[in-house]
Amino acid sequence: MKCKVTARAKVSPTEELDKVIKAISNVLDYDELEIGDGYVDVTGDEDSLLKFREALKNRKIRDTAQKIFFKGVDDHKIKFSLNKQTALVAIPNFVEPGMSALGEIDIEIETDDVDGFIEWMTYKKSEESV
């Protein structure tokens, strides 16, 4: 399964750029970082999601993640948003776009296998074998 991960966070004039980058880095690894006028973009591949995948497991929110991922499917893309403020303290928290006071980290994952990707991100084999 191949995938391309793109994440964007707006940087408001009252925010510190390094804190926005840290919020993204706390939930995603990335290959490339672009800083623009009022935004930060990062891109990566499936390895960029390993930290996020582990956080879903540790926080026991894989069922929620699965529902949100399926809700965000559009063709070969999955779109969802994370709360930027909670990401700053390394806690991925899903939010509806536009609902977070300090903004969101908008994530888009393009993959050749949407169902396989969602299963990989939310797989619970170890819990089922108990």
N, C-alpha and C. Protein backbone atom coordinates (compact mmCIF):
# COMPACT_ATOMS: atom_id res chain seq x y z
N MET A 1 0.85 -1.18 0.00
CA MET A 1 0.00 0.00 0.00
C MET A 1 0.89 1.24 0.00
N LYS A 2 0.66 2.09 -0.92
CA LYS A 2 1.39 3.35 -1.00
C LYS A 2 0.45 4.47 -0.59
N CYS A 3 1.02 5.49 0.02
CA CYS A 3 0.20 6.65 0.32
C CYS A 3 1.07 7.90 0.37
N LYS A 4 0.43 9.02 0.13
CA LYS A 4 1.07 10.32 0.24
C LYS A 4 0.28 11.10 1.29
N VAL A 5 1.00 11.62 2.27
CA VAL A 5 0.39 12.37 3.36
C VAL A 5 0.71 13.84 3.17
N THR A 6 -0.33 14.66 3.26
CA THR A 6 -0.16 16.11 3.22
C THR A 6 -0.91 16.68 4.41
N ALA A 7 -0.24 17.55 5.16
CA ALA A 7 -0.89 18.21 6.30
C ALA A 7 -0.64 19.70 6.19
N ARG A 8 -1.66 20.47 6.51
CA ARG A 8 -1.55 21.93 6.48
C ARG A 8 -2.16 22.50 7.74
N ALA A 9 -1.45 23.46 8.31
CA ALA A 9 -1.98 24.20 9.46
C ALA A 9 -1.79 25.68 9.19
N LYS A 10 -2.85 26.43 9.43
CA LYS A 10 -2.74 27.88 9.31
C LYS A 10 -1.99 28.41 10.52
N VAL A 11 -1.23 29.46 10.28
CA VAL A 11 -0.51 30.12 11.35
C VAL A 11 -1.09 31.51 11.50
N SER A 12 -1.80 31.74 12.60
CA SER A 12 -2.40 33.06 12.80
C SER A 12 -1.32 34.04 13.27
N PRO A 13 -1.57 35.33 13.10
CA PRO A 13 -0.59 36.34 13.52
C PRO A 13 -0.24 36.28 15.01
N THR A 14 -1.13 35.71 15.82
CA THR A 14 -0.87 35.64 17.26
C THR A 14 -0.13 34.36 17.66
N GLU A 15 0.11 33.47 16.71
CA GLU A 15 0.78 32.20 17.01
C GLU A 15 2.27 32.26 16.71
N GLU A 16 3.00 31.44 17.42
CA GLU A 16 4.42 31.28 17.15
C GLU A 16 4.60 30.15 16.14
N LEU A 17 5.31 30.43 15.06
CA LEU A 17 5.53 29.46 14.00
C LEU A 17 6.12 28.16 14.52
N ASP A 18 7.10 28.25 15.41
CA ASP A 18 7.74 27.03 15.91
C ASP A 18 6.77 26.14 16.69
N LYS A 19 5.78 26.73 17.34
CA LYS A 19 4.79 25.94 18.07
C LYS A 19 3.84 25.20 17.10
N VAL A 20 3.52 25.84 15.99
CA VAL A 20 2.68 25.19 14.98
C VAL A 20 3.44 24.01 14.37
N ILE A 21 4.70 24.22 14.06
CA ILE A 21 5.52 23.13 13.51
C ILE A 21 5.65 22.01 14.53
N LYS A 22 5.84 22.35 15.81
CA LYS A 22 5.94 21.34 16.85
C LYS A 22 4.63 20.55 16.98
N ALA A 23 3.50 21.22 16.88
CA ALA A 23 2.20 20.53 16.95
C ALA A 23 2.10 19.48 15.86
N ILE A 24 2.49 19.85 14.64
CA ILE A 24 2.45 18.89 13.53
C ILE A 24 3.45 17.76 13.79
N SER A 25 4.65 18.11 14.20
CA SER A 25 5.71 17.11 14.45
C SER A 25 5.35 16.14 15.56
N ASN A 26 4.53 16.57 16.49
CA ASN A 26 4.14 15.69 17.59
C ASN A 26 3.23 14.55 17.14
N VAL A 27 2.53 14.73 16.04
CA VAL A 27 1.62 13.68 15.58
C VAL A 27 2.04 13.05 14.26
N LEU A 28 2.87 13.73 13.48
CA LEU A 28 3.31 13.22 12.18
C LEU A 28 4.80 13.44 12.00
N ASP A 29 5.45 12.48 11.39
CA ASP A 29 6.78 12.72 10.87
C ASP A 29 6.57 13.17 9.43
N TYR A 30 7.56 13.78 8.83
CA TYR A 30 7.37 14.25 7.46
C TYR A 30 8.70 14.30 6.73
N ASP A 31 8.61 14.29 5.41
CA ASP A 31 9.79 14.35 4.55
C ASP A 31 10.12 15.78 4.15
N GLU A 32 9.07 16.56 3.91
CA GLU A 32 9.27 17.94 3.45
C GLU A 32 8.42 18.90 4.27
N LEU A 33 8.98 20.07 4.50
CA LEU A 33 8.30 21.13 5.24
C LEU A 33 8.32 22.39 4.38
N GLU A 34 7.15 23.01 4.24
CA GLU A 34 7.05 24.28 3.51
C GLU A 34 6.39 25.30 4.42
N ILE A 35 7.05 26.42 4.57
CA ILE A 35 6.50 27.51 5.37
C ILE A 35 6.09 28.61 4.42
N GLY A 36 4.82 28.94 4.42
CA GLY A 36 4.31 29.99 3.55
C GLY A 36 3.78 31.16 4.35
N ASP A 37 3.13 32.06 3.67
CA ASP A 37 2.56 33.23 4.32
C ASP A 37 1.27 32.82 5.04
N GLY A 38 1.38 32.56 6.32
CA GLY A 38 0.21 32.20 7.11
C GLY A 38 -0.11 30.72 7.15
N TYR A 39 0.81 29.86 6.74
CA TYR A 39 0.55 28.42 6.80
C TYR A 39 1.85 27.63 6.87
N VAL A 40 1.71 26.39 7.28
CA VAL A 40 2.78 25.41 7.26
C VAL A 40 2.23 24.17 6.59
N ASP A 41 2.95 23.65 5.60
CA ASP A 41 2.60 22.40 4.93
C ASP A 41 3.70 21.38 5.17
N VAL A 42 3.30 20.14 5.38
CA VAL A 42 4.26 19.05 5.43
C VAL A 42 3.76 17.93 4.54
N THR A 43 4.70 17.16 4.00
CA THR A 43 4.35 16.01 3.17
C THR A 43 5.22 14.83 3.57
N GLY A 44 4.70 13.65 3.32
CA GLY A 44 5.43 12.43 3.63
C GLY A 44 4.73 11.23 3.04
N ASP A 45 5.16 10.05 3.47
CA ASP A 45 4.56 8.81 3.01
C ASP A 45 4.00 8.03 4.20
N GLU A 46 3.75 6.74 4.01
CA GLU A 46 3.13 5.96 5.09
C GLU A 46 3.99 5.94 6.36
N ASP A 47 5.31 6.03 6.23
CA ASP A 47 6.15 6.07 7.42
C ASP A 47 5.88 7.32 8.27
N SER A 48 5.39 8.37 7.65
CA SER A 48 5.06 9.59 8.37
C SER A 48 3.93 9.38 9.36
N LEU A 49 3.17 8.32 9.17
CA LEU A 49 1.98 8.07 9.98
C LEU A 49 2.21 7.12 11.15
N LEU A 50 3.41 6.57 11.28
CA LEU A 50 3.65 5.58 12.32
C LEU A 50 3.41 6.12 13.73
N LYS A 51 3.85 7.33 13.98
CA LYS A 51 3.65 7.97 15.29
C LYS A 51 2.15 8.18 15.55
N PHE A 52 1.43 8.63 14.55
CA PHE A 52 -0.01 8.85 14.65
C PHE A 52 -0.74 7.53 14.87
N ARG A 53 -0.34 6.52 14.12
CA ARG A 53 -0.94 5.19 14.25
C ARG A 53 -0.76 4.65 15.67
N GLU A 54 0.44 4.80 16.22
CA GLU A 54 0.71 4.34 17.58
C GLU A 54 -0.12 5.13 18.60
N ALA A 55 -0.29 6.41 18.37
CA ALA A 55 -1.10 7.24 19.28
C ALA A 55 -2.56 6.79 19.26
N LEU A 56 -3.08 6.43 18.10
CA LEU A 56 -4.46 5.92 18.02
C LEU A 56 -4.61 4.66 18.86
N LYS A 57 -3.61 3.79 18.78
CA LYS A 57 -3.63 2.55 19.56
C LYS A 57 -3.53 2.85 21.05
N ASN A 58 -2.57 3.67 21.45
CA ASN A 58 -2.35 3.96 22.86
C ASN A 58 -3.52 4.69 23.50
N ARG A 59 -4.17 5.56 22.74
CA ARG A 59 -5.31 6.30 23.28
C ARG A 59 -6.62 5.52 23.17
N LYS A 60 -6.55 4.36 22.52
CA LYS A 60 -7.70 3.47 22.34
C LYS A 60 -8.84 4.18 21.61
N ILE A 61 -8.47 4.86 20.53
CA ILE A 61 -9.48 5.57 19.73
C ILE A 61 -9.49 5.08 18.29
N ARG A 62 -9.09 3.83 18.08
CA ARG A 62 -9.04 3.32 16.71
C ARG A 62 -10.43 3.17 16.09
N ASP A 63 -11.43 2.83 16.90
CA ASP A 63 -12.79 2.75 16.35
C ASP A 63 -13.27 4.12 15.89
N THR A 64 -13.01 5.13 16.71
CA THR A 64 -13.37 6.50 16.32
C THR A 64 -12.61 6.91 15.07
N ALA A 65 -11.32 6.62 15.04
CA ALA A 65 -10.50 6.96 13.87
C ALA A 65 -11.06 6.28 12.62
N GLN A 66 -11.42 5.04 12.73
CA GLN A 66 -11.96 4.31 11.58
C GLN A 66 -13.21 5.00 11.04
N LYS A 67 -14.11 5.40 11.91
CA LYS A 67 -15.33 6.09 11.49
C LYS A 67 -15.01 7.42 10.81
N ILE A 68 -14.08 8.16 11.38
CA ILE A 68 -13.70 9.46 10.82
C ILE A 68 -13.01 9.28 9.48
N PHE A 69 -12.14 8.28 9.38
CA PHE A 69 -11.46 8.03 8.10
C PHE A 69 -12.48 7.69 7.01
N PHE A 70 -13.42 6.79 7.30
CA PHE A 70 -14.42 6.43 6.30
C PHE A 70 -15.30 7.62 5.94
N LYS A 71 -15.62 8.45 6.92
CA LYS A 71 -16.43 9.65 6.67
C LYS A 71 -15.70 10.62 5.73
N GLY A 72 -14.36 10.63 5.81
CA GLY A 72 -13.57 11.56 5.02
C GLY A 72 -13.11 11.04 3.68
N VAL A 73 -13.60 9.87 3.28
CA VAL A 73 -13.17 9.29 1.99
C VAL A 73 -13.81 10.02 0.82
N ASP A 74 -12.96 10.37 -0.13
CA ASP A 74 -13.41 10.96 -1.39
C ASP A 74 -12.50 10.41 -2.48
N ASP A 75 -12.99 9.43 -3.21
CA ASP A 75 -12.23 8.74 -4.25
C ASP A 75 -11.04 8.04 -3.61
N HIS A 76 -9.83 8.41 -3.93
CA HIS A 76 -8.63 7.78 -3.37
C HIS A 76 -7.98 8.65 -2.30
N LYS A 77 -8.77 9.51 -1.68
CA LYS A 77 -8.26 10.41 -0.66
C LYS A 77 -9.09 10.28 0.62
N ILE A 78 -8.40 10.49 1.73
CA ILE A 78 -9.05 10.52 3.04
C ILE A 78 -8.69 11.86 3.65
N LYS A 79 -9.70 12.61 4.07
CA LYS A 79 -9.46 13.93 4.66
C LYS A 79 -10.05 13.98 6.07
N PHE A 80 -9.28 14.56 6.98
CA PHE A 80 -9.75 14.76 8.34
C PHE A 80 -8.93 15.87 8.97
N SER A 81 -9.37 16.32 10.14
CA SER A 81 -8.68 17.40 10.84
C SER A 81 -8.38 17.00 12.27
N LEU A 82 -7.24 17.51 12.76
CA LEU A 82 -6.85 17.31 14.15
C LEU A 82 -6.77 18.66 14.84
N ASN A 83 -7.08 18.67 16.12
CA ASN A 83 -6.99 19.88 16.91
C ASN A 83 -5.53 20.27 17.08
N LYS A 84 -5.18 21.47 16.65
CA LYS A 84 -3.80 21.94 16.71
C LYS A 84 -3.33 22.09 18.15
N GLN A 85 -4.20 22.57 19.04
CA GLN A 85 -3.82 22.82 20.43
C GLN A 85 -3.48 21.51 21.16
N THR A 86 -4.28 20.48 20.97
CA THR A 86 -3.97 19.21 21.64
C THR A 86 -2.77 18.53 21.00
N ALA A 87 -2.57 18.74 19.70
CA ALA A 87 -1.40 18.18 19.03
C ALA A 87 -0.11 18.77 19.60
N LEU A 88 -0.18 20.00 20.07
CA LEU A 88 1.00 20.64 20.66
C LEU A 88 1.50 19.88 21.89
N VAL A 89 0.60 19.18 22.56
CA VAL A 89 1.00 18.35 23.70
C VAL A 89 0.94 16.85 23.34
N ALA A 90 1.09 16.57 22.04
CA ALA A 90 1.20 15.20 21.50
C ALA A 90 -0.04 14.35 21.70
N ILE A 91 -1.21 14.97 21.69
CA ILE A 91 -2.46 14.22 21.80
C ILE A 91 -3.28 14.48 20.55
N PRO A 92 -3.35 13.48 19.66
CA PRO A 92 -4.18 13.67 18.47
C PRO A 92 -5.66 13.62 18.85
N ASN A 93 -6.38 14.66 18.48
CA ASN A 93 -7.79 14.77 18.79
C ASN A 93 -8.52 15.22 17.53
N PHE A 94 -9.42 14.39 17.04
CA PHE A 94 -10.15 14.71 15.82
C PHE A 94 -11.13 15.85 16.07
N VAL A 95 -11.28 16.73 15.10
CA VAL A 95 -12.24 17.83 15.17
C VAL A 95 -12.87 18.05 13.80
N GLU A 96 -14.03 18.64 13.83
CA GLU A 96 -14.66 19.07 12.59
C GLU A 96 -13.95 20.33 12.10
N PRO A 97 -13.74 20.46 10.81
CA PRO A 97 -13.08 21.67 10.29
C PRO A 97 -13.81 22.93 10.75
N GLY A 98 -13.04 23.91 11.18
CA GLY A 98 -13.60 25.19 11.60
C GLY A 98 -14.14 25.23 13.01
N MET A 99 -14.02 24.13 13.74
CA MET A 99 -14.61 24.06 15.08
C MET A 99 -13.61 24.26 16.21
N SER A 100 -12.34 24.34 15.88
CA SER A 100 -11.32 24.48 16.91
C SER A 100 -10.93 25.95 17.06
N ALA A 101 -10.89 26.43 18.28
CA ALA A 101 -10.63 27.86 18.54
C ALA A 101 -9.30 28.33 17.95
N LEU A 102 -8.27 27.50 18.04
CA LEU A 102 -6.96 27.90 17.52
C LEU A 102 -6.65 27.30 16.16
N GLY A 103 -7.63 26.65 15.56
CA GLY A 103 -7.43 26.10 14.23
C GLY A 103 -7.10 24.62 14.26
N GLU A 104 -7.00 24.09 13.07
CA GLU A 104 -6.81 22.66 12.91
C GLU A 104 -5.56 22.36 12.10
N ILE A 105 -5.18 21.11 12.18
CA ILE A 105 -4.21 20.55 11.25
C ILE A 105 -5.05 19.73 10.28
N ASP A 106 -5.13 20.18 9.04
CA ASP A 106 -5.92 19.49 8.03
C ASP A 106 -5.04 18.48 7.34
N ILE A 107 -5.46 17.23 7.36
CA ILE A 107 -4.66 16.14 6.81
C ILE A 107 -5.40 15.50 5.65
N GLU A 108 -4.63 15.24 4.58
CA GLU A 108 -5.16 14.53 3.42
C GLU A 108 -4.21 13.38 3.11
N ILE A 109 -4.77 12.20 2.98
CA ILE A 109 -3.99 11.02 2.66
C ILE A 109 -4.49 10.48 1.33
N GLU A 110 -3.61 10.44 0.38
CA GLU A 110 -3.93 9.88 -0.93
C GLU A 110 -3.33 8.48 -0.99
N THR A 111 -4.16 7.50 -1.30
CA THR A 111 -3.72 6.11 -1.29
C THR A 111 -4.35 5.33 -2.43
N ASP A 112 -3.66 4.29 -2.86
CA ASP A 112 -4.19 3.41 -3.90
C ASP A 112 -5.13 2.36 -3.32
N ASP A 113 -5.22 2.27 -1.99
CA ASP A 113 -6.05 1.27 -1.33
C ASP A 113 -6.66 1.87 -0.05
N VAL A 114 -7.77 2.55 -0.20
CA VAL A 114 -8.40 3.23 0.93
C VAL A 114 -8.76 2.25 2.04
N ASP A 115 -9.43 1.16 1.70
CA ASP A 115 -9.84 0.20 2.73
C ASP A 115 -8.63 -0.42 3.42
N GLY A 116 -7.61 -0.78 2.65
CA GLY A 116 -6.40 -1.34 3.22
C GLY A 116 -5.69 -0.36 4.13
N PHE A 117 -5.67 0.91 3.73
CA PHE A 117 -5.05 1.94 4.56
C PHE A 117 -5.78 2.07 5.89
N ILE A 118 -7.09 2.17 5.84
CA ILE A 118 -7.87 2.34 7.07
C ILE A 118 -7.70 1.13 7.98
N GLU A 119 -7.68 -0.06 7.40
CA GLU A 119 -7.45 -1.26 8.20
C GLU A 119 -6.06 -1.22 8.85
N TRP A 120 -5.05 -0.81 8.09
CA TRP A 120 -3.69 -0.73 8.62
C TRP A 120 -3.61 0.27 9.79
N MET A 121 -4.26 1.42 9.65
CA MET A 121 -4.21 2.45 10.70
C MET A 121 -4.98 2.03 11.96
N THR A 122 -6.01 1.19 11.81
CA THR A 122 -6.89 0.90 12.94
C THR A 122 -6.91 -0.57 13.33
N TYR A 123 -6.00 -1.37 12.81
CA TYR A 123 -5.97 -2.81 13.02
C TYR A 123 -5.78 -3.17 14.50
N LYS A 124 -6.54 -4.16 14.97
CA LYS A 124 -6.51 -4.52 16.38
C LYS A 124 -6.24 -6.02 16.58
N LYS A 125 -5.40 -6.61 15.77
CA LYS A 125 -5.15 -8.05 15.85
C LYS A 125 -4.73 -8.50 17.25
N SER A 126 -3.81 -7.79 17.87
CA SER A 126 -3.30 -8.20 19.18
C SER A 126 -4.42 -8.26 20.23
N GLU A 127 -5.39 -7.37 20.14
CA GLU A 127 -6.49 -7.38 21.10
C GLU A 127 -7.46 -8.51 20.80
N GLU A 128 -7.63 -8.87 19.52
CA GLU A 128 -8.56 -9.91 19.14
C GLU A 128 -8.06 -11.31 19.49
N SER A 129 -6.75 -11.49 19.60
CA SER A 129 -6.20 -12.81 19.86
C SER A 129 -6.19 -13.16 21.35
N VAL A 130 -6.61 -12.24 22.18
CA VAL A 130 -6.62 -12.46 23.64
C VAL A 130 -7.80 -13.31 24.03
